[in-house]
Amino acid sequence: MEEDIIICHCNEIYKSEIVKAIKEKGLTTVDEVGDETSAGTICGQCQDDIQDILDEINK
């Protein structure tokens, strides 16, 4: 199992939290992930990483 990493440093949101929200809520956009988890809502630097996770899950 891969190590859980912080994706959003501003809000201390881990990849596992983002993946769980995407799968449970059927999220498809970075904005939806931000609304649900607060990831990517402060500086925005992690939004590309969030998009990569979305793409990986919602292929």
PDB file of N, CA and C in Angstrom:
ATOM      1  N   MET A   1       0.843  -1.189   0.000  1.00  0.00           N
ATOM      2  CA  MET A   1       0.000   0.000   0.000  1.00  0.00           C
ATOM      3  C   MET A   1       0.885   1.248   0.000  1.00  0.00           C
ATOM      4  N   GLU A   2       0.557   2.184  -0.859  1.00  0.00           N
ATOM      5  CA  GLU A   2       1.375   3.388  -0.947  1.00  0.00           C
ATOM      6  C   GLU A   2       1.156   4.287   0.266  1.00  0.00           C
ATOM      7  N   GLU A   3       2.176   5.058   0.562  1.00  0.00           N
ATOM      8  CA  GLU A   3       2.111   5.957   1.709  1.00  0.00           C
ATOM      9  C   GLU A   3       1.108   7.078   1.443  1.00  0.00           C
ATOM     10  N   ASP A   4       0.316   7.397   2.452  1.00  0.00           N
ATOM     11  CA  ASP A   4      -0.643   8.490   2.336  1.00  0.00           C
ATOM     12  C   ASP A   4       0.141   9.807   2.396  1.00  0.00           C
ATOM     13  N   ILE A   5      -0.106  10.688   1.447  1.00  0.00           N
ATOM     14  CA  ILE A   5       0.644  11.946   1.381  1.00  0.00           C
ATOM     15  C   ILE A   5      -0.303  13.134   1.488  1.00  0.00           C
ATOM     16  N   ILE A   6       0.236  14.227   1.987  1.00  0.00           N
ATOM     17  CA  ILE A   6      -0.542  15.467   2.028  1.00  0.00           C
ATOM     18  C   ILE A   6      -0.585  16.041   0.617  1.00  0.00           C
ATOM     19  N   ILE A   7      -1.781  16.290   0.129  1.00  0.00           N
ATOM     20  CA  ILE A   7      -1.961  16.928  -1.173  1.00  0.00           C
ATOM     21  C   ILE A   7      -2.097  18.434  -0.985  1.00  0.00           C
ATOM     22  N   CYS A   8      -2.953  18.832  -0.062  1.00  0.00           N
ATOM     23  CA  CYS A   8      -3.178  20.253   0.216  1.00  0.00           C
ATOM     24  C   CYS A   8      -2.487  20.615   1.527  1.00  0.00           C
ATOM     25  N   HIS A   9      -1.360  21.306   1.404  1.00  0.00           N
ATOM     26  CA  HIS A   9      -0.585  21.673   2.593  1.00  0.00           C
ATOM     27  C   HIS A   9      -1.273  22.779   3.392  1.00  0.00           C
ATOM     28  N   CYS A  10      -1.970  23.681   2.734  1.00  0.00           N
ATOM     29  CA  CYS A  10      -2.632  24.787   3.440  1.00  0.00           C
ATOM     30  C   CYS A  10      -3.675  24.271   4.433  1.00  0.00           C
ATOM     31  N   ASN A  11      -4.433  23.261   4.019  1.00  0.00           N
ATOM     32  CA  ASN A  11      -5.510  22.730   4.865  1.00  0.00           C
ATOM     33  C   ASN A  11      -5.195  21.353   5.442  1.00  0.00           C
ATOM     34  N   GLU A  12      -3.960  20.861   5.183  1.00  0.00           N
ATOM     35  CA  GLU A  12      -3.534  19.541   5.653  1.00  0.00           C
ATOM     36  C   GLU A  12      -4.517  18.439   5.252  1.00  0.00           C
ATOM     37  N   ILE A  13      -4.822  18.378   3.957  1.00  0.00           N
ATOM     38  CA  ILE A  13      -5.727  17.364   3.424  1.00  0.00           C
ATOM     39  C   ILE A  13      -4.894  16.279   2.739  1.00  0.00           C
ATOM     40  N   TYR A  14      -5.093  15.049   3.196  1.00  0.00           N
ATOM     41  CA  TYR A  14      -4.347  13.914   2.661  1.00  0.00           C
ATOM     42  C   TYR A  14      -5.033  13.328   1.429  1.00  0.00           C
ATOM     43  N   LYS A  15      -4.226  12.640   0.617  1.00  0.00           N
ATOM     44  CA  LYS A  15      -4.738  12.008  -0.594  1.00  0.00           C
ATOM     45  C   LYS A  15      -5.893  11.066  -0.270  1.00  0.00           C
ATOM     46  N   SER A  16      -5.787  10.312   0.824  1.00  0.00           N
ATOM     47  CA  SER A  16      -6.837   9.353   1.175  1.00  0.00           C
ATOM     48  C   SER A  16      -8.177  10.046   1.411  1.00  0.00           C
ATOM     49  N   GLU A  17      -8.145  11.242   1.991  1.00  0.00           N
ATOM     50  CA  GLU A  17      -9.385  11.990   2.227  1.00  0.00           C
ATOM     51  C   GLU A  17     -10.017  12.412   0.906  1.00  0.00           C
ATOM     52  N   ILE A  18      -9.183  12.841  -0.025  1.00  0.00           N
ATOM     53  CA  ILE A  18      -9.670  13.276  -1.336  1.00  0.00           C
ATOM     54  C   ILE A  18     -10.248  12.092  -2.103  1.00  0.00           C
ATOM     55  N   VAL A  19      -9.521  10.972  -2.104  1.00  0.00           N
ATOM     56  CA  VAL A  19      -9.991   9.772  -2.804  1.00  0.00           C
ATOM     57  C   VAL A  19     -11.326   9.309  -2.224  1.00  0.00           C
ATOM     58  N   LYS A  20     -11.435   9.286  -0.906  1.00  0.00           N
ATOM     59  CA  LYS A  20     -12.677   8.863  -0.250  1.00  0.00           C
ATOM     60  C   LYS A  20     -13.842   9.762  -0.660  1.00  0.00           C
ATOM     61  N   ALA A  21     -13.628  11.070  -0.651  1.00  0.00           N
ATOM     62  CA  ALA A  21     -14.688  12.011  -1.023  1.00  0.00           C
ATOM     63  C   ALA A  21     -15.113  11.818  -2.476  1.00  0.00           C
ATOM     64  N   ILE A  22     -14.150  11.647  -3.364  1.00  0.00           N
ATOM     65  CA  ILE A  22     -14.452  11.457  -4.791  1.00  0.00           C
ATOM     66  C   ILE A  22     -15.300  10.205  -4.983  1.00  0.00           C
ATOM     67  N   LYS A  23     -14.894   9.119  -4.341  1.00  0.00           N
ATOM     68  CA  LYS A  23     -15.597   7.846  -4.519  1.00  0.00           C
ATOM     69  C   LYS A  23     -16.978   7.860  -3.859  1.00  0.00           C
ATOM     70  N   GLU A  24     -17.073   8.403  -2.658  1.00  0.00           N
ATOM     71  CA  GLU A  24     -18.345   8.377  -1.934  1.00  0.00           C
ATOM     72  C   GLU A  24     -19.367   9.357  -2.495  1.00  0.00           C
ATOM     73  N   LYS A  25     -18.895  10.514  -2.984  1.00  0.00           N
ATOM     74  CA  LYS A  25     -19.812  11.570  -3.430  1.00  0.00           C
ATOM     75  C   LYS A  25     -19.917  11.675  -4.945  1.00  0.00           C
ATOM     76  N   GLY A  26     -19.104  10.895  -5.664  1.00  0.00           N
ATOM     77  CA  GLY A  26     -19.143  10.953  -7.121  1.00  0.00           C
ATOM     78  C   GLY A  26     -18.638  12.275  -7.675  1.00  0.00           C
ATOM     79  N   LEU A  27     -17.625  12.832  -7.042  1.00  0.00           N
ATOM     80  CA  LEU A  27     -17.104  14.139  -7.454  1.00  0.00           C
ATOM     81  C   LEU A  27     -16.366  14.034  -8.784  1.00  0.00           C
ATOM     82  N   THR A  28     -16.476  15.100  -9.591  1.00  0.00           N
ATOM     83  CA  THR A  28     -15.845  15.071 -10.911  1.00  0.00           C
ATOM     84  C   THR A  28     -14.998  16.303 -11.209  1.00  0.00           C
ATOM     85  N   THR A  29     -15.040  17.324 -10.346  1.00  0.00           N
ATOM     86  CA  THR A  29     -14.267  18.539 -10.612  1.00  0.00           C
ATOM     87  C   THR A  29     -13.449  18.935  -9.387  1.00  0.00           C
ATOM     88  N   VAL A  30     -12.407  19.725  -9.626  1.00  0.00           N
ATOM     89  CA  VAL A  30     -11.563  20.245  -8.556  1.00  0.00           C
ATOM     90  C   VAL A  30     -12.401  21.099  -7.601  1.00  0.00           C
ATOM     91  N   ASP A  31     -13.327  21.882  -8.146  1.00  0.00           N
ATOM     92  CA  ASP A  31     -14.190  22.723  -7.305  1.00  0.00           C
ATOM     93  C   ASP A  31     -15.065  21.879  -6.375  1.00  0.00           C
ATOM     94  N   GLU A  32     -15.583  20.782  -6.885  1.00  0.00           N
ATOM     95  CA  GLU A  32     -16.394  19.897  -6.045  1.00  0.00           C
ATOM     96  C   GLU A  32     -15.560  19.301  -4.915  1.00  0.00           C
ATOM     97  N   VAL A  33     -14.329  18.908  -5.227  1.00  0.00           N
ATOM     98  CA  VAL A  33     -13.432  18.381  -4.200  1.00  0.00           C
ATOM     99  C   VAL A  33     -13.152  19.462  -3.156  1.00  0.00           C
ATOM    100  N   GLY A  34     -12.944  20.692  -3.605  1.00  0.00           N
ATOM    101  CA  GLY A  34     -12.706  21.799  -2.687  1.00  0.00           C
ATOM    102  C   GLY A  34     -13.890  22.068  -1.789  1.00  0.00           C
ATOM    103  N   ASP A  35     -15.093  22.012  -2.366  1.00  0.00           N
ATOM    104  CA  ASP A  35     -16.312  22.229  -1.575  1.00  0.00           C
ATOM    105  C   ASP A  35     -16.475  21.147  -0.511  1.00  0.00           C
ATOM    106  N   GLU A  36     -16.118  19.928  -0.867  1.00  0.00           N
ATOM    107  CA  GLU A  36     -16.329  18.792   0.029  1.00  0.00           C
ATOM    108  C   GLU A  36     -15.226  18.641   1.080  1.00  0.00           C
ATOM    109  N   THR A  37     -13.964  18.944   0.686  1.00  0.00           N
ATOM    110  CA  THR A  37     -12.832  18.660   1.580  1.00  0.00           C
ATOM    111  C   THR A  37     -12.054  19.903   1.995  1.00  0.00           C
ATOM    112  N   SER A  38     -12.257  21.009   1.334  1.00  0.00           N
ATOM    113  CA  SER A  38     -11.514  22.272   1.458  1.00  0.00           C
ATOM    114  C   SER A  38     -10.140  22.222   0.809  1.00  0.00           C
ATOM    115  N   ALA A  39      -9.776  21.112   0.187  1.00  0.00           N
ATOM    116  CA  ALA A  39      -8.498  21.006  -0.520  1.00  0.00           C
ATOM    117  C   ALA A  39      -8.499  21.939  -1.735  1.00  0.00           C
ATOM    118  N   GLY A  40      -7.403  22.669  -1.911  1.00  0.00           N
ATOM    119  CA  GLY A  40      -7.250  23.530  -3.076  1.00  0.00           C
ATOM    120  C   GLY A  40      -7.971  24.854  -2.992  1.00  0.00           C
ATOM    121  N   THR A  41      -8.468  25.208  -1.811  1.00  0.00           N
ATOM    122  CA  THR A  41      -9.286  26.413  -1.713  1.00  0.00           C
ATOM    123  C   THR A  41      -8.544  27.629  -1.167  1.00  0.00           C
ATOM    124  N   ILE A  42      -7.285  27.473  -0.784  1.00  0.00           N
ATOM    125  CA  ILE A  42      -6.556  28.632  -0.251  1.00  0.00           C
ATOM    126  C   ILE A  42      -5.590  29.168  -1.309  1.00  0.00           C
ATOM    127  N   CYS A  43      -4.474  28.509  -1.522  1.00  0.00           N
ATOM    128  CA  CYS A  43      -3.508  29.047  -2.495  1.00  0.00           C
ATOM    129  C   CYS A  43      -3.698  28.465  -3.894  1.00  0.00           C
ATOM    130  N   GLY A  44      -4.311  27.280  -3.983  1.00  0.00           N
ATOM    131  CA  GLY A  44      -4.580  26.674  -5.290  1.00  0.00           C
ATOM    132  C   GLY A  44      -3.423  25.895  -5.881  1.00  0.00           C
ATOM    133  N   GLN A  45      -2.301  25.851  -5.196  1.00  0.00           N
ATOM    134  CA  GLN A  45      -1.118  25.186  -5.740  1.00  0.00           C
ATOM    135  C   GLN A  45      -1.331  23.685  -5.956  1.00  0.00           C
ATOM    136  N   CYS A  46      -2.214  23.072  -5.191  1.00  0.00           N
ATOM    137  CA  CYS A  46      -2.431  21.627  -5.286  1.00  0.00           C
ATOM    138  C   CYS A  46      -3.532  21.244  -6.271  1.00  0.00           C
ATOM    139  N   GLN A  47      -4.125  22.205  -6.946  1.00  0.00           N
ATOM    140  CA  GLN A  47      -5.261  21.892  -7.818  1.00  0.00           C
ATOM    141  C   GLN A  47      -4.893  20.955  -8.959  1.00  0.00           C
ATOM    142  N   ASP A  48      -3.677  21.049  -9.479  1.00  0.00           N
ATOM    143  CA  ASP A  48      -3.247  20.111 -10.526  1.00  0.00           C
ATOM    144  C   ASP A  48      -3.160  18.687  -9.975  1.00  0.00           C
ATOM    145  N   ASP A  49      -2.671  18.558  -8.736  1.00  0.00           N
ATOM    146  CA  ASP A  49      -2.602  17.235  -8.105  1.00  0.00           C
ATOM    147  C   ASP A  49      -4.004  16.673  -7.875  1.00  0.00           C
ATOM    148  N   ILE A  50      -4.922  17.524  -7.455  1.00  0.00           N
ATOM    149  CA  ILE A  50      -6.308  17.090  -7.258  1.00  0.00           C
ATOM    150  C   ILE A  50      -6.892  16.632  -8.588  1.00  0.00           C
ATOM    151  N   GLN A  51      -6.621  17.359  -9.653  1.00  0.00           N
ATOM    152  CA  GLN A  51      -7.114  16.969 -10.979  1.00  0.00           C
ATOM    153  C   GLN A  51      -6.542  15.620 -11.393  1.00  0.00           C
ATOM    154  N   ASP A  52      -5.263  15.389 -11.103  1.00  0.00           N
ATOM    155  CA  ASP A  52      -4.642  14.088 -11.422  1.00  0.00           C
ATOM    156  C   ASP A  52      -5.343  12.952 -10.683  1.00  0.00           C
ATOM    157  N   ILE A  53      -5.696  13.176  -9.421  1.00  0.00           N
ATOM    158  CA  ILE A  53      -6.407  12.156  -8.639  1.00  0.00           C
ATOM    159  C   ILE A  53      -7.795  11.920  -9.239  1.00  0.00           C
ATOM    160  N   LEU A  54      -8.483  13.003  -9.595  1.00  0.00           N
ATOM    161  CA  LEU A  54      -9.800  12.873 -10.246  1.00  0.00           C
ATOM    162  C   LEU A  54      -9.699  12.054 -11.535  1.00  0.00           C
ATOM    163  N   ASP A  55      -8.697  12.385 -12.351  1.00  0.00           N
ATOM    164  CA  ASP A  55      -8.518  11.677 -13.628  1.00  0.00           C
ATOM    165  C   ASP A  55      -8.248  10.194 -13.396  1.00  0.00           C
ATOM    166  N   GLU A  56      -7.427   9.901 -12.382  1.00  0.00           N
ATOM    167  CA  GLU A  56      -7.073   8.522 -12.070  1.00  0.00           C
ATOM    168  C   GLU A  56      -8.298   7.721 -11.639  1.00  0.00           C
ATOM    169  N   ILE A  57      -9.155   8.312 -10.829  1.00  0.00           N
ATOM    170  CA  ILE A  57     -10.319   7.602 -10.304  1.00  0.00           C
ATOM    171  C   ILE A  57     -11.456   7.546 -11.315  1.00  0.00           C
ATOM    172  N   ASN A  58     -11.667   8.628 -12.052  1.00  0.00           N
ATOM    173  CA  ASN A  58     -12.818   8.718 -12.961  1.00  0.00           C
ATOM    174  C   ASN A  58     -12.478   8.432 -14.417  1.00  0.00           C
ATOM    175  N   LYS A  59     -11.401   7.737 -14.665  1.00  0.00           N
ATOM    176  CA  LYS A  59     -10.933   7.423 -16.019  1.00  0.00           C
ATOM    177  C   LYS A  59     -12.037   7.388 -17.052  1.00  0.00           C
TER     178      LYS A  59
END
